[in-house]
Amino acid sequence: MPSNGMGTAGLVLGIISAAIFCLWPVAIVMGALALIFGSIGRGKARRGRRRTRGRLWRG
């Protein structure tokens, strides 16, 4: 089963940015990266190249 590395990266970066919200400049950058990686992974999942859509929604 192919994995969705971009979706996983978006999920992890989203969780980390939420956890370090007190360092808001870093959290904003990480949150933006999470959105970018998540949208790339979601595009791959829509095209059928990846099967892990659930991880993308959580990220």
PDB file of N, CA and C in Angstrom:
ATOM      1  N   MET A   1       0.844  -1.164   0.000  1.00  0.00           N
ATOM      2  CA  MET A   1       0.000   0.000   0.000  1.00  0.00           C
ATOM      3  C   MET A   1       0.903   1.244   0.000  1.00  0.00           C
ATOM      4  N   PRO A   2       0.711   2.149  -0.946  1.00  0.00           N
ATOM      5  CA  PRO A   2       1.537   3.346  -0.968  1.00  0.00           C
ATOM      6  C   PRO A   2       1.182   4.288   0.183  1.00  0.00           C
ATOM      7  N   SER A   3       2.196   4.844   0.777  1.00  0.00           N
ATOM      8  CA  SER A   3       1.947   5.773   1.881  1.00  0.00           C
ATOM      9  C   SER A   3       1.897   7.199   1.350  1.00  0.00           C
ATOM     10  N   ASN A   4       1.373   8.077   2.150  1.00  0.00           N
ATOM     11  CA  ASN A   4       1.253   9.473   1.759  1.00  0.00           C
ATOM     12  C   ASN A   4       2.158  10.296   2.666  1.00  0.00           C
ATOM     13  N   GLY A   5       3.403  10.452   2.260  1.00  0.00           N
ATOM     14  CA  GLY A   5       4.380  11.175   3.063  1.00  0.00           C
ATOM     15  C   GLY A   5       4.018  12.627   3.264  1.00  0.00           C
ATOM     16  N   MET A   6       3.432  13.248   2.252  1.00  0.00           N
ATOM     17  CA  MET A   6       3.030  14.651   2.376  1.00  0.00           C
ATOM     18  C   MET A   6       1.892  14.798   3.384  1.00  0.00           C
ATOM     19  N   GLY A   7       0.970  13.869   3.372  1.00  0.00           N
ATOM     20  CA  GLY A   7      -0.117  13.908   4.348  1.00  0.00           C
ATOM     21  C   GLY A   7       0.388  13.720   5.762  1.00  0.00           C
ATOM     22  N   THR A   8       1.330  12.812   5.924  1.00  0.00           N
ATOM     23  CA  THR A   8       1.932  12.578   7.235  1.00  0.00           C
ATOM     24  C   THR A   8       2.702  13.807   7.705  1.00  0.00           C
ATOM     25  N   ALA A   9       3.454  14.419   6.797  1.00  0.00           N
ATOM     26  CA  ALA A   9       4.207  15.623   7.147  1.00  0.00           C
ATOM     27  C   ALA A   9       3.258  16.747   7.559  1.00  0.00           C
ATOM     28  N   GLY A  10       2.150  16.889   6.837  1.00  0.00           N
ATOM     29  CA  GLY A  10       1.172  17.910   7.202  1.00  0.00           C
ATOM     30  C   GLY A  10       0.570  17.671   8.564  1.00  0.00           C
ATOM     31  N   LEU A  11       0.265  16.411   8.861  1.00  0.00           N
ATOM     32  CA  LEU A  11      -0.295  16.066  10.163  1.00  0.00           C
ATOM     33  C   LEU A  11       0.686  16.364  11.287  1.00  0.00           C
ATOM     34  N   VAL A  12       1.919  15.948  11.125  1.00  0.00           N
ATOM     35  CA  VAL A  12       2.932  16.139  12.162  1.00  0.00           C
ATOM     36  C   VAL A  12       3.213  17.627  12.377  1.00  0.00           C
ATOM     37  N   LEU A  13       3.373  18.375  11.296  1.00  0.00           N
ATOM     38  CA  LEU A  13       3.644  19.805  11.435  1.00  0.00           C
ATOM     39  C   LEU A  13       2.462  20.544  12.056  1.00  0.00           C
ATOM     40  N   GLY A  14       1.250  20.129  11.720  1.00  0.00           N
ATOM     41  CA  GLY A  14       0.074  20.740  12.327  1.00  0.00           C
ATOM     42  C   GLY A  14       0.007  20.503  13.816  1.00  0.00           C
ATOM     43  N   ILE A  15       0.315  19.292  14.240  1.00  0.00           N
ATOM     44  CA  ILE A  15       0.310  18.968  15.671  1.00  0.00           C
ATOM     45  C   ILE A  15       1.405  19.738  16.406  1.00  0.00           C
ATOM     46  N   ILE A  16       2.591  19.789  15.824  1.00  0.00           N
ATOM     47  CA  ILE A  16       3.699  20.502  16.469  1.00  0.00           C
ATOM     48  C   ILE A  16       3.402  21.993  16.560  1.00  0.00           C
ATOM     49  N   SER A  17       2.848  22.571  15.496  1.00  0.00           N
ATOM     50  CA  SER A  17       2.562  24.005  15.537  1.00  0.00           C
ATOM     51  C   SER A  17       1.477  24.325  16.557  1.00  0.00           C
ATOM     52  N   ALA A  18       0.524  23.417  16.742  1.00  0.00           N
ATOM     53  CA  ALA A  18      -0.494  23.636  17.770  1.00  0.00           C
ATOM     54  C   ALA A  18       0.100  23.504  19.171  1.00  0.00           C
ATOM     55  N   ALA A  19       1.082  22.610  19.313  1.00  0.00           N
ATOM     56  CA  ALA A  19       1.684  22.389  20.624  1.00  0.00           C
ATOM     57  C   ALA A  19       2.605  23.539  21.042  1.00  0.00           C
ATOM     58  N   ILE A  20       3.226  24.216  20.088  1.00  0.00           N
ATOM     59  CA  ILE A  20       4.166  25.290  20.437  1.00  0.00           C
ATOM     60  C   ILE A  20       3.590  26.659  20.082  1.00  0.00           C
ATOM     61  N   PHE A  21       2.308  26.830  20.314  1.00  0.00           N
ATOM     62  CA  PHE A  21       1.655  28.090  19.970  1.00  0.00           C
ATOM     63  C   PHE A  21       2.230  29.283  20.714  1.00  0.00           C
ATOM     64  N   CYS A  22       2.885  29.044  21.847  1.00  0.00           N
ATOM     65  CA  CYS A  22       3.464  30.156  22.604  1.00  0.00           C
ATOM     66  C   CYS A  22       4.663  30.764  21.864  1.00  0.00           C
ATOM     67  N   LEU A  23       5.278  30.016  20.997  1.00  0.00           N
ATOM     68  CA  LEU A  23       6.344  30.548  20.131  1.00  0.00           C
ATOM     69  C   LEU A  23       5.708  30.878  18.780  1.00  0.00           C
ATOM     70  N   TRP A  24       4.867  31.891  18.760  1.00  0.00           N
ATOM     71  CA  TRP A  24       3.985  32.139  17.627  1.00  0.00           C
ATOM     72  C   TRP A  24       4.686  32.340  16.292  1.00  0.00           C
ATOM     73  N   PRO A  25       5.887  32.913  16.188  1.00  0.00           N
ATOM     74  CA  PRO A  25       6.497  33.014  14.854  1.00  0.00           C
ATOM     75  C   PRO A  25       6.816  31.641  14.260  1.00  0.00           C
ATOM     76  N   VAL A  26       7.310  30.757  15.097  1.00  0.00           N
ATOM     77  CA  VAL A  26       7.630  29.402  14.635  1.00  0.00           C
ATOM     78  C   VAL A  26       6.344  28.639  14.322  1.00  0.00           C
ATOM     79  N   ALA A  27       5.335  28.815  15.150  1.00  0.00           N
ATOM     80  CA  ALA A  27       4.065  28.115  14.950  1.00  0.00           C
ATOM     81  C   ALA A  27       3.387  28.553  13.663  1.00  0.00           C
ATOM     82  N   ILE A  28       3.489  29.835  13.311  1.00  0.00           N
ATOM     83  CA  ILE A  28       2.883  30.310  12.067  1.00  0.00           C
ATOM     84  C   ILE A  28       3.572  29.687  10.861  1.00  0.00           C
ATOM     85  N   VAL A  29       4.892  29.646  10.877  1.00  0.00           N
ATOM     86  CA  VAL A  29       5.641  29.051   9.764  1.00  0.00           C
ATOM     87  C   VAL A  29       5.321  27.561   9.643  1.00  0.00           C
ATOM     88  N   MET A  30       5.311  26.857  10.767  1.00  0.00           N
ATOM     89  CA  MET A  30       5.024  25.425  10.729  1.00  0.00           C
ATOM     90  C   MET A  30       3.582  25.153  10.313  1.00  0.00           C
ATOM     91  N   GLY A  31       2.665  25.997  10.738  1.00  0.00           N
ATOM     92  CA  GLY A  31       1.279  25.851  10.325  1.00  0.00           C
ATOM     93  C   GLY A  31       1.110  26.061   8.835  1.00  0.00           C
ATOM     94  N   ALA A  32       1.812  27.039   8.285  1.00  0.00           N
ATOM     95  CA  ALA A  32       1.757  27.278   6.844  1.00  0.00           C
ATOM     96  C   ALA A  32       2.329  26.094   6.075  1.00  0.00           C
ATOM     97  N   LEU A  33       3.439  25.568   6.558  1.00  0.00           N
ATOM     98  CA  LEU A  33       4.018  24.383   5.911  1.00  0.00           C
ATOM     99  C   LEU A  33       3.072  23.187   6.001  1.00  0.00           C
ATOM    100  N   ALA A  34       2.379  23.047   7.124  1.00  0.00           N
ATOM    101  CA  ALA A  34       1.420  21.954   7.283  1.00  0.00           C
ATOM    102  C   ALA A  34       0.300  22.078   6.255  1.00  0.00           C
ATOM    103  N   LEU A  35      -0.182  23.297   6.033  1.00  0.00           N
ATOM    104  CA  LEU A  35      -1.222  23.499   5.026  1.00  0.00           C
ATOM    105  C   LEU A  35      -0.731  23.172   3.622  1.00  0.00           C
ATOM    106  N   ILE A  36       0.489  23.567   3.315  1.00  0.00           N
ATOM    107  CA  ILE A  36       1.049  23.293   1.993  1.00  0.00           C
ATOM    108  C   ILE A  36       1.221  21.794   1.781  1.00  0.00           C
ATOM    109  N   PHE A  37       1.869  21.123   2.731  1.00  0.00           N
ATOM    110  CA  PHE A  37       2.084  19.681   2.588  1.00  0.00           C
ATOM    111  C   PHE A  37       0.767  18.916   2.571  1.00  0.00           C
ATOM    112  N   GLY A  38      -0.170  19.340   3.407  1.00  0.00           N
ATOM    113  CA  GLY A  38      -1.468  18.682   3.435  1.00  0.00           C
ATOM    114  C   GLY A  38      -2.225  18.822   2.134  1.00  0.00           C
ATOM    115  N   SER A  39      -2.167  20.002   1.519  1.00  0.00           N
ATOM    116  CA  SER A  39      -2.879  20.185   0.254  1.00  0.00           C
ATOM    117  C   SER A  39      -2.213  19.413  -0.880  1.00  0.00           C
ATOM    118  N   ILE A  40      -0.892  19.313  -0.874  1.00  0.00           N
ATOM    119  CA  ILE A  40      -0.204  18.490  -1.884  1.00  0.00           C
ATOM    120  C   ILE A  40      -0.581  17.021  -1.706  1.00  0.00           C
ATOM    121  N   GLY A  41      -0.567  16.551  -0.474  1.00  0.00           N
ATOM    122  CA  GLY A  41      -0.942  15.158  -0.207  1.00  0.00           C
ATOM    123  C   GLY A  41      -2.390  14.886  -0.544  1.00  0.00           C
ATOM    124  N   ARG A  42      -3.250  15.854  -0.293  1.00  0.00           N
ATOM    125  CA  ARG A  42      -4.668  15.686  -0.622  1.00  0.00           C
ATOM    126  C   ARG A  42      -4.870  15.602  -2.135  1.00  0.00           C
ATOM    127  N   GLY A  43      -4.115  16.396  -2.880  1.00  0.00           N
ATOM    128  CA  GLY A  43      -4.179  16.323  -4.333  1.00  0.00           C
ATOM    129  C   GLY A  43      -3.747  14.962  -4.855  1.00  0.00           C
ATOM    130  N   LYS A  44      -2.710  14.394  -4.254  1.00  0.00           N
ATOM    131  CA  LYS A  44      -2.264  13.056  -4.649  1.00  0.00           C
ATOM    132  C   LYS A  44      -3.313  12.007  -4.317  1.00  0.00           C
ATOM    133  N   ALA A  45      -3.966  12.164  -3.171  1.00  0.00           N
ATOM    134  CA  ALA A  45      -4.998  11.204  -2.775  1.00  0.00           C
ATOM    135  C   ALA A  45      -6.210  11.302  -3.701  1.00  0.00           C
ATOM    136  N   ARG A  46      -6.556  12.498  -4.118  1.00  0.00           N
ATOM    137  CA  ARG A  46      -7.694  12.658  -5.041  1.00  0.00           C
ATOM    138  C   ARG A  46      -7.417  12.046  -6.402  1.00  0.00           C
ATOM    139  N   ARG A  47      -6.171  12.142  -6.833  1.00  0.00           N
ATOM    140  CA  ARG A  47      -5.811  11.557  -8.128  1.00  0.00           C
ATOM    141  C   ARG A  47      -5.655  10.043  -8.052  1.00  0.00           C
ATOM    142  N   GLY A  48      -5.775   9.495  -6.876  1.00  0.00           N
ATOM    143  CA  GLY A  48      -5.691   8.054  -6.707  1.00  0.00           C
ATOM    144  C   GLY A  48      -4.283   7.537  -6.541  1.00  0.00           C
ATOM    145  N   ARG A  49      -3.316   8.425  -6.385  1.00  0.00           N
ATOM    146  CA  ARG A  49      -1.937   7.979  -6.229  1.00  0.00           C
ATOM    147  C   ARG A  49      -1.642   7.538  -4.807  1.00  0.00           C
ATOM    148  N   ARG A  50      -2.447   7.953  -3.874  1.00  0.00           N
ATOM    149  CA  ARG A  50      -2.284   7.558  -2.471  1.00  0.00           C
ATOM    150  C   ARG A  50      -3.642   7.189  -1.907  1.00  0.00           C
ATOM    151  N   ARG A  51      -3.621   6.313  -0.884  1.00  0.00           N
ATOM    152  CA  ARG A  51      -4.881   5.839  -0.319  1.00  0.00           C
ATOM    153  C   ARG A  51      -5.141   6.297   1.107  1.00  0.00           C
ATOM    154  N   THR A  52      -4.333   7.135   1.652  1.00  0.00           N
ATOM    155  CA  THR A  52      -4.467   7.497   3.069  1.00  0.00           C
ATOM    156  C   THR A  52      -5.142   8.854   3.218  1.00  0.00           C
ATOM    157  N   ARG A  53      -6.387   8.959   2.825  1.00  0.00           N
ATOM    158  CA  ARG A  53      -7.111  10.230   2.907  1.00  0.00           C
ATOM    159  C   ARG A  53      -7.444  10.628   4.335  1.00  0.00           C
ATOM    160  N   GLY A  54      -7.673   9.667   5.221  1.00  0.00           N
ATOM    161  CA  GLY A  54      -8.047   9.964   6.600  1.00  0.00           C
ATOM    162  C   GLY A  54      -6.982  10.774   7.321  1.00  0.00           C
ATOM    163  N   ARG A  55      -5.739  10.492   7.072  1.00  0.00           N
ATOM    164  CA  ARG A  55      -4.644  11.218   7.690  1.00  0.00           C
ATOM    165  C   ARG A  55      -4.639  12.673   7.230  1.00  0.00           C
ATOM    166  N   LEU A  56      -5.045  12.906   5.992  1.00  0.00           N
ATOM    167  CA  LEU A  56      -5.063  14.270   5.480  1.00  0.00           C
ATOM    168  C   LEU A  56      -6.126  15.114   6.165  1.00  0.00           C
ATOM    169  N   TRP A  57      -7.277  14.532   6.447  1.00  0.00           N
ATOM    170  CA  TRP A  57      -8.335  15.278   7.118  1.00  0.00           C
ATOM    171  C   TRP A  57      -7.959  15.609   8.542  1.00  0.00           C
ATOM    172  N   ARG A  58      -7.210  14.719   9.190  1.00  0.00           N
ATOM    173  CA  ARG A  58      -6.804  14.979  10.565  1.00  0.00           C
ATOM    174  C   ARG A  58      -5.749  16.071  10.631  1.00  0.00           C
ATOM    175  N   GLY A  59      -4.901  16.168   9.628  1.00  0.00           N
ATOM    176  CA  GLY A  59      -3.839  17.177   9.608  1.00  0.00           C
ATOM    177  C   GLY A  59      -4.401  18.534   9.382  1.00  0.00           C
TER     178      GLY A  59
END
